[in-house]
Amino acid sequence: MAKHPTDPNQLAKRIIGIATGEESDTDEPKKDPAAVALGRRGGLKGGKARAESLSPEKRSEIAKKAAAKRWGK
């Protein structure tokens, strides 16, 4: 359900619009399919692909740095 306006005049206009069918009560933003496809292209393989491309020494260095940040308080 969409959020209704707090101004009484705008609320009245919206209610009339819904009652007459000019306006929908469920105004959800539409997603652009092209943008969704672009976003998922690299997102599904990101971390795994990065881990495979790093050398074991570099991965170990990153892990040690993360552990020091996490536990070094």
PDB file of N, CA and C in Angstrom:
ATOM      1  N   MET A   1       0.841  -1.168   0.000  1.00  0.00           N
ATOM      2  CA  MET A   1       0.000   0.000   0.000  1.00  0.00           C
ATOM      3  C   MET A   1       0.890   1.236   0.000  1.00  0.00           C
ATOM      4  N   ALA A   2       0.559   2.188  -0.822  1.00  0.00           N
ATOM      5  CA  ALA A   2       1.353   3.398  -0.960  1.00  0.00           C
ATOM      6  C   ALA A   2       1.128   4.330   0.225  1.00  0.00           C
ATOM      7  N   LYS A   3       2.114   5.140   0.517  1.00  0.00           N
ATOM      8  CA  LYS A   3       2.009   6.107   1.600  1.00  0.00           C
ATOM      9  C   LYS A   3       1.097   7.248   1.150  1.00  0.00           C
ATOM     10  N   HIS A   4       0.146   7.597   2.000  1.00  0.00           N
ATOM     11  CA  HIS A   4      -0.808   8.647   1.652  1.00  0.00           C
ATOM     12  C   HIS A   4      -0.286  10.006   2.096  1.00  0.00           C
ATOM     13  N   PRO A   5      -0.646  11.071   1.368  1.00  0.00           N
ATOM     14  CA  PRO A   5      -0.197  12.409   1.752  1.00  0.00           C
ATOM     15  C   PRO A   5      -0.824  12.852   3.071  1.00  0.00           C
ATOM     16  N   THR A   6      -0.125  13.720   3.802  1.00  0.00           N
ATOM     17  CA  THR A   6      -0.641  14.201   5.080  1.00  0.00           C
ATOM     18  C   THR A   6      -1.534  15.427   4.914  1.00  0.00           C
ATOM     19  N   ASP A   7      -1.398  16.150   3.817  1.00  0.00           N
ATOM     20  CA  ASP A   7      -2.246  17.315   3.564  1.00  0.00           C
ATOM     21  C   ASP A   7      -3.664  16.827   3.256  1.00  0.00           C
ATOM     22  N   PRO A   8      -4.677  17.336   3.960  1.00  0.00           N
ATOM     23  CA  PRO A   8      -6.055  16.854   3.752  1.00  0.00           C
ATOM     24  C   PRO A   8      -6.551  17.041   2.315  1.00  0.00           C
ATOM     25  N   ASN A   9      -6.173  18.135   1.667  1.00  0.00           N
ATOM     26  CA  ASN A   9      -6.624  18.368   0.297  1.00  0.00           C
ATOM     27  C   ASN A   9      -5.992  17.362  -0.665  1.00  0.00           C
ATOM     28  N   GLN A  10      -4.704  17.104  -0.508  1.00  0.00           N
ATOM     29  CA  GLN A  10      -4.037  16.124  -1.364  1.00  0.00           C
ATOM     30  C   GLN A  10      -4.579  14.717  -1.095  1.00  0.00           C
ATOM     31  N   LEU A  11      -4.870  14.419   0.168  1.00  0.00           N
ATOM     32  CA  LEU A  11      -5.424  13.120   0.529  1.00  0.00           C
ATOM     33  C   LEU A  11      -6.793  12.945  -0.099  1.00  0.00           C
ATOM     34  N   ALA A  12      -7.628  13.987  -0.039  1.00  0.00           N
ATOM     35  CA  ALA A  12      -8.962  13.920  -0.640  1.00  0.00           C
ATOM     36  C   ALA A  12      -8.864  13.694  -2.146  1.00  0.00           C
ATOM     37  N   LYS A  13      -7.940  14.391  -2.811  1.00  0.00           N
ATOM     38  CA  LYS A  13      -7.759  14.223  -4.252  1.00  0.00           C
ATOM     39  C   LYS A  13      -7.331  12.788  -4.562  1.00  0.00           C
ATOM     40  N   ARG A  14      -6.450  12.257  -3.743  1.00  0.00           N
ATOM     41  CA  ARG A  14      -5.977  10.883  -3.964  1.00  0.00           C
ATOM     42  C   ARG A  14      -7.102   9.872  -3.770  1.00  0.00           C
ATOM     43  N   ILE A  15      -7.916  10.073  -2.747  1.00  0.00           N
ATOM     44  CA  ILE A  15      -9.027   9.156  -2.489  1.00  0.00           C
ATOM     45  C   ILE A  15     -10.014   9.179  -3.660  1.00  0.00           C
ATOM     46  N   ILE A  16     -10.314  10.383  -4.170  1.00  0.00           N
ATOM     47  CA  ILE A  16     -11.210  10.504  -5.327  1.00  0.00           C
ATOM     48  C   ILE A  16     -10.582   9.820  -6.541  1.00  0.00           C
ATOM     49  N   GLY A  17      -9.292  10.014  -6.736  1.00  0.00           N
ATOM     50  CA  GLY A  17      -8.612   9.389  -7.860  1.00  0.00           C
ATOM     51  C   GLY A  17      -8.654   7.873  -7.789  1.00  0.00           C
ATOM     52  N   ILE A  18      -8.477   7.324  -6.599  1.00  0.00           N
ATOM     53  CA  ILE A  18      -8.537   5.874  -6.414  1.00  0.00           C
ATOM     54  C   ILE A  18      -9.965   5.375  -6.649  1.00  0.00           C
ATOM     55  N   ALA A  19     -10.953   6.118  -6.117  1.00  0.00           N
ATOM     56  CA  ALA A  19     -12.357   5.711  -6.252  1.00  0.00           C
ATOM     57  C   ALA A  19     -12.817   5.729  -7.704  1.00  0.00           C
ATOM     58  N   THR A  20     -12.330   6.681  -8.492  1.00  0.00           N
ATOM     59  CA  THR A  20     -12.741   6.782  -9.892  1.00  0.00           C
ATOM     60  C   THR A  20     -11.873   5.936 -10.818  1.00  0.00           C
ATOM     61  N   GLY A  21     -10.797   5.358 -10.291  1.00  0.00           N
ATOM     62  CA  GLY A  21      -9.946   4.506 -11.106  1.00  0.00           C
ATOM     63  C   GLY A  21      -8.873   5.256 -11.871  1.00  0.00           C
ATOM     64  N   GLU A  22      -8.750   6.561 -11.661  1.00  0.00           N
ATOM     65  CA  GLU A  22      -7.722   7.353 -12.339  1.00  0.00           C
ATOM     66  C   GLU A  22      -6.341   7.124 -11.741  1.00  0.00           C
ATOM     67  N   GLU A  23      -6.327   6.697 -10.487  1.00  0.00           N
ATOM     68  CA  GLU A  23      -5.073   6.532  -9.759  1.00  0.00           C
ATOM     69  C   GLU A  23      -5.076   5.169  -9.081  1.00  0.00           C
ATOM     70  N   SER A  24      -3.907   4.570  -8.972  1.00  0.00           N
ATOM     71  CA  SER A  24      -3.794   3.272  -8.331  1.00  0.00           C
ATOM     72  C   SER A  24      -3.366   3.458  -6.880  1.00  0.00           C
ATOM     73  N   ASP A  25      -3.863   2.583  -6.011  1.00  0.00           N
ATOM     74  CA  ASP A  25      -3.499   2.658  -4.597  1.00  0.00           C
ATOM     75  C   ASP A  25      -2.137   2.037  -4.345  1.00  0.00           C
ATOM     76  N   THR A  26      -1.647   1.233  -5.263  1.00  0.00           N
ATOM     77  CA  THR A  26      -0.355   0.573  -5.095  1.00  0.00           C
ATOM     78  C   THR A  26       0.625   1.131  -6.120  1.00  0.00           C
ATOM     79  N   ASP A  27       1.097   2.331  -5.894  1.00  0.00           N
ATOM     80  CA  ASP A  27       2.079   2.956  -6.775  1.00  0.00           C
ATOM     81  C   ASP A  27       3.470   2.517  -6.351  1.00  0.00           C
ATOM     82  N   GLU A  28       3.951   1.426  -6.957  1.00  0.00           N
ATOM     83  CA  GLU A  28       5.282   0.936  -6.649  1.00  0.00           C
ATOM     84  C   GLU A  28       6.228   1.376  -7.758  1.00  0.00           C
ATOM     85  N   PRO A  29       7.431   1.801  -7.420  1.00  0.00           N
ATOM     86  CA  PRO A  29       8.370   2.218  -8.467  1.00  0.00           C
ATOM     87  C   PRO A  29       8.733   1.041  -9.362  1.00  0.00           C
ATOM     88  N   LYS A  30       8.767   1.280 -10.643  1.00  0.00           N
ATOM     89  CA  LYS A  30       9.106   0.236 -11.615  1.00  0.00           C
ATOM     90  C   LYS A  30      10.619   0.194 -11.788  1.00  0.00           C
ATOM     91  N   LYS A  31      11.157  -1.018 -11.899  1.00  0.00           N
ATOM     92  CA  LYS A  31      12.596  -1.175 -12.105  1.00  0.00           C
ATOM     93  C   LYS A  31      12.870  -1.290 -13.601  1.00  0.00           C
ATOM     94  N   ASP A  32      13.953  -0.690 -14.013  1.00  0.00           N
ATOM     95  CA  ASP A  32      14.367  -0.754 -15.407  1.00  0.00           C
ATOM     96  C   ASP A  32      15.035  -2.103 -15.641  1.00  0.00           C
ATOM     97  N   PRO A  33      14.476  -2.955 -16.520  1.00  0.00           N
ATOM     98  CA  PRO A  33      15.062  -4.289 -16.734  1.00  0.00           C
ATOM     99  C   PRO A  33      16.515  -4.234 -17.201  1.00  0.00           C
ATOM    100  N   ALA A  34      16.869  -3.226 -17.983  1.00  0.00           N
ATOM    101  CA  ALA A  34      18.251  -3.118 -18.454  1.00  0.00           C
ATOM    102  C   ALA A  34      19.197  -2.849 -17.281  1.00  0.00           C
ATOM    103  N   ALA A  35      18.773  -1.988 -16.361  1.00  0.00           N
ATOM    104  CA  ALA A  35      19.604  -1.671 -15.202  1.00  0.00           C
ATOM    105  C   ALA A  35      19.728  -2.890 -14.284  1.00  0.00           C
ATOM    106  N   VAL A  36      18.656  -3.646 -14.148  1.00  0.00           N
ATOM    107  CA  VAL A  36      18.688  -4.844 -13.308  1.00  0.00           C
ATOM    108  C   VAL A  36      19.660  -5.867 -13.893  1.00  0.00           C
ATOM    109  N   ALA A  37      19.611  -6.033 -15.220  1.00  0.00           N
ATOM    110  CA  ALA A  37      20.503  -6.993 -15.877  1.00  0.00           C
ATOM    111  C   ALA A  37      21.962  -6.578 -15.709  1.00  0.00           C
ATOM    112  N   LEU A  38      22.241  -5.284 -15.839  1.00  0.00           N
ATOM    113  CA  LEU A  38      23.619  -4.811 -15.671  1.00  0.00           C
ATOM    114  C   LEU A  38      24.105  -5.021 -14.246  1.00  0.00           C
ATOM    115  N   GLY A  39      23.235  -4.796 -13.276  1.00  0.00           N
ATOM    116  CA  GLY A  39      23.619  -4.942 -11.878  1.00  0.00           C
ATOM    117  C   GLY A  39      23.931  -6.373 -11.498  1.00  0.00           C
ATOM    118  N   ARG A  40      23.219  -7.314 -12.089  1.00  0.00           N
ATOM    119  CA  ARG A  40      23.436  -8.721 -11.730  1.00  0.00           C
ATOM    120  C   ARG A  40      24.568  -9.351 -12.508  1.00  0.00           C
ATOM    121  N   ARG A  41      25.000  -8.723 -13.567  1.00  0.00           N
ATOM    122  CA  ARG A  41      26.026  -9.336 -14.416  1.00  0.00           C
ATOM    123  C   ARG A  41      27.285  -9.665 -13.621  1.00  0.00           C
ATOM    124  N   GLY A  42      27.812  -8.722 -12.877  1.00  0.00           N
ATOM    125  CA  GLY A  42      29.043  -8.970 -12.128  1.00  0.00           C
ATOM    126  C   GLY A  42      28.797  -9.334 -10.683  1.00  0.00           C
ATOM    127  N   GLY A  43      27.619  -9.039 -10.165  1.00  0.00           N
ATOM    128  CA  GLY A  43      27.347  -9.230  -8.753  1.00  0.00           C
ATOM    129  C   GLY A  43      27.323 -10.668  -8.288  1.00  0.00           C
ATOM    130  N   LEU A  44      26.936 -11.582  -9.159  1.00  0.00           N
ATOM    131  CA  LEU A  44      26.812 -12.971  -8.742  1.00  0.00           C
ATOM    132  C   LEU A  44      28.154 -13.671  -8.613  1.00  0.00           C
ATOM    133  N   LYS A  45      29.179 -13.161  -9.277  1.00  0.00           N
ATOM    134  CA  LYS A  45      30.468 -13.839  -9.254  1.00  0.00           C
ATOM    135  C   LYS A  45      31.570 -13.016  -8.601  1.00  0.00           C
ATOM    136  N   GLY A  46      31.238 -11.853  -8.066  1.00  0.00           N
ATOM    137  CA  GLY A  46      32.223 -10.893  -7.587  1.00  0.00           C
ATOM    138  C   GLY A  46      33.255 -11.413  -6.610  1.00  0.00           C
ATOM    139  N   GLY A  47      32.841 -11.832  -5.422  1.00  0.00           N
ATOM    140  CA  GLY A  47      33.791 -12.240  -4.390  1.00  0.00           C
ATOM    141  C   GLY A  47      34.564 -13.492  -4.753  1.00  0.00           C
ATOM    142  N   LYS A  48      33.877 -14.445  -5.351  1.00  0.00           N
ATOM    143  CA  LYS A  48      34.530 -15.702  -5.719  1.00  0.00           C
ATOM    144  C   LYS A  48      35.573 -15.464  -6.806  1.00  0.00           C
ATOM    145  N   ALA A  49      35.224 -14.643  -7.800  1.00  0.00           N
ATOM    146  CA  ALA A  49      36.167 -14.360  -8.884  1.00  0.00           C
ATOM    147  C   ALA A  49      37.380 -13.603  -8.359  1.00  0.00           C
ATOM    148  N   ARG A  50      37.148 -12.677  -7.411  1.00  0.00           N
ATOM    149  CA  ARG A  50      38.266 -11.924  -6.844  1.00  0.00           C
ATOM    150  C   ARG A  50      39.188 -12.850  -6.058  1.00  0.00           C
ATOM    151  N   ALA A  51      38.616 -13.750  -5.282  1.00  0.00           N
ATOM    152  CA  ALA A  51      39.432 -14.676  -4.490  1.00  0.00           C
ATOM    153  C   ALA A  51      40.263 -15.581  -5.391  1.00  0.00           C
ATOM    154  N   GLU A  52      39.689 -16.014  -6.517  1.00  0.00           N
ATOM    155  CA  GLU A  52      40.434 -16.885  -7.428  1.00  0.00           C
ATOM    156  C   GLU A  52      41.569 -16.146  -8.127  1.00  0.00           C
ATOM    157  N   SER A  53      41.397 -14.839  -8.326  1.00  0.00           N
ATOM    158  CA  SER A  53      42.424 -14.080  -9.038  1.00  0.00           C
ATOM    159  C   SER A  53      43.585 -13.668  -8.140  1.00  0.00           C
ATOM    160  N   LEU A  54      43.387 -13.693  -6.816  1.00  0.00           N
ATOM    161  CA  LEU A  54      44.444 -13.298  -5.887  1.00  0.00           C
ATOM    162  C   LEU A  54      45.401 -14.458  -5.627  1.00  0.00           C
ATOM    163  N   SER A  55      46.647 -14.108  -5.390  1.00  0.00           N
ATOM    164  CA  SER A  55      47.619 -15.138  -5.019  1.00  0.00           C
ATOM    165  C   SER A  55      47.370 -15.531  -3.556  1.00  0.00           C
ATOM    166  N   PRO A  56      47.794 -16.732  -3.158  1.00  0.00           N
ATOM    167  CA  PRO A  56      47.607 -17.148  -1.765  1.00  0.00           C
ATOM    168  C   PRO A  56      48.257 -16.186  -0.770  1.00  0.00           C
ATOM    169  N   GLU A  57      49.408 -15.621  -1.145  1.00  0.00           N
ATOM    170  CA  GLU A  57      50.082 -14.680  -0.246  1.00  0.00           C
ATOM    171  C   GLU A  57      49.243 -13.415  -0.053  1.00  0.00           C
ATOM    172  N   LYS A  58      48.690 -12.907  -1.141  1.00  0.00           N
ATOM    173  CA  LYS A  58      47.887 -11.681  -1.072  1.00  0.00           C
ATOM    174  C   LYS A  58      46.599 -11.936  -0.277  1.00  0.00           C
ATOM    175  N   ARG A  59      45.964 -13.101  -0.490  1.00  0.00           N
ATOM    176  CA  ARG A  59      44.758 -13.447   0.278  1.00  0.00           C
ATOM    177  C   ARG A  59      45.068 -13.520   1.758  1.00  0.00           C
ATOM    178  N   SER A  60      46.208 -14.111   2.097  1.00  0.00           N
ATOM    179  CA  SER A  60      46.616 -14.226   3.492  1.00  0.00           C
ATOM    180  C   SER A  60      46.863 -12.849   4.098  1.00  0.00           C
ATOM    181  N   GLU A  61      47.482 -11.976   3.330  1.00  0.00           N
ATOM    182  CA  GLU A  61      47.747 -10.613   3.800  1.00  0.00           C
ATOM    183  C   GLU A  61      46.433  -9.869   4.075  1.00  0.00           C
ATOM    184  N   ILE A  62      45.479 -10.008   3.175  1.00  0.00           N
ATOM    185  CA  ILE A  62      44.175  -9.352   3.349  1.00  0.00           C
ATOM    186  C   ILE A  62      43.464  -9.916   4.578  1.00  0.00           C
ATOM    187  N   ALA A  63      43.530 -11.242   4.771  1.00  0.00           N
ATOM    188  CA  ALA A  63      42.875 -11.877   5.907  1.00  0.00           C
ATOM    189  C   ALA A  63      43.504 -11.434   7.226  1.00  0.00           C
ATOM    190  N   LYS A  64      44.833 -11.328   7.269  1.00  0.00           N
ATOM    191  CA  LYS A  64      45.509 -10.877   8.491  1.00  0.00           C
ATOM    192  C   LYS A  64      45.131  -9.446   8.831  1.00  0.00           C
ATOM    193  N   LYS A  65      45.057  -8.594   7.810  1.00  0.00           N
ATOM    194  CA  LYS A  65      44.674  -7.194   8.017  1.00  0.00           C
ATOM    195  C   LYS A  65      43.244  -7.107   8.554  1.00  0.00           C
ATOM    196  N   ALA A  66      42.336  -7.923   7.993  1.00  0.00           N
ATOM    197  CA  ALA A  66      40.946  -7.939   8.449  1.00  0.00           C
ATOM    198  C   ALA A  66      40.846  -8.424   9.893  1.00  0.00           C
ATOM    199  N   ALA A  67      41.597  -9.463  10.223  1.00  0.00           N
ATOM    200  CA  ALA A  67      41.562 -10.004  11.594  1.00  0.00           C
ATOM    201  C   ALA A  67      42.114  -8.984  12.577  1.00  0.00           C
ATOM    202  N   ALA A  68      43.167  -8.265  12.188  1.00  0.00           N
ATOM    203  CA  ALA A  68      43.734  -7.265  13.078  1.00  0.00           C
ATOM    204  C   ALA A  68      42.723  -6.145  13.334  1.00  0.00           C
ATOM    205  N   LYS A  69      41.989  -5.730  12.311  1.00  0.00           N
ATOM    206  CA  LYS A  69      40.972  -4.703  12.486  1.00  0.00           C
ATOM    207  C   LYS A  69      39.839  -5.206  13.371  1.00  0.00           C
ATOM    208  N   ARG A  70      39.440  -6.456  13.126  1.00  0.00           N
ATOM    209  CA  ARG A  70      38.304  -7.033  13.847  1.00  0.00           C
ATOM    210  C   ARG A  70      38.603  -7.237  15.315  1.00  0.00           C
ATOM    211  N   TRP A  71      39.790  -7.741  15.633  1.00  0.00           N
ATOM    212  CA  TRP A  71      40.091  -8.131  17.001  1.00  0.00           C
ATOM    213  C   TRP A  71      41.050  -7.181  17.713  1.00  0.00           C
ATOM    214  N   GLY A  72      41.540  -6.167  17.040  1.00  0.00           N
ATOM    215  CA  GLY A  72      42.546  -5.297  17.640  1.00  0.00           C
ATOM    216  C   GLY A  72      42.011  -4.128  18.432  1.00  0.00           C
ATOM    217  N   LYS A  73      40.839  -4.256  19.008  1.00  0.00           N
ATOM    218  CA  LYS A  73      40.253  -3.138  19.773  1.00  0.00           C
ATOM    219  C   LYS A  73      40.761  -3.092  21.191  1.00  0.00           C
TER     220      LYS A  73
END
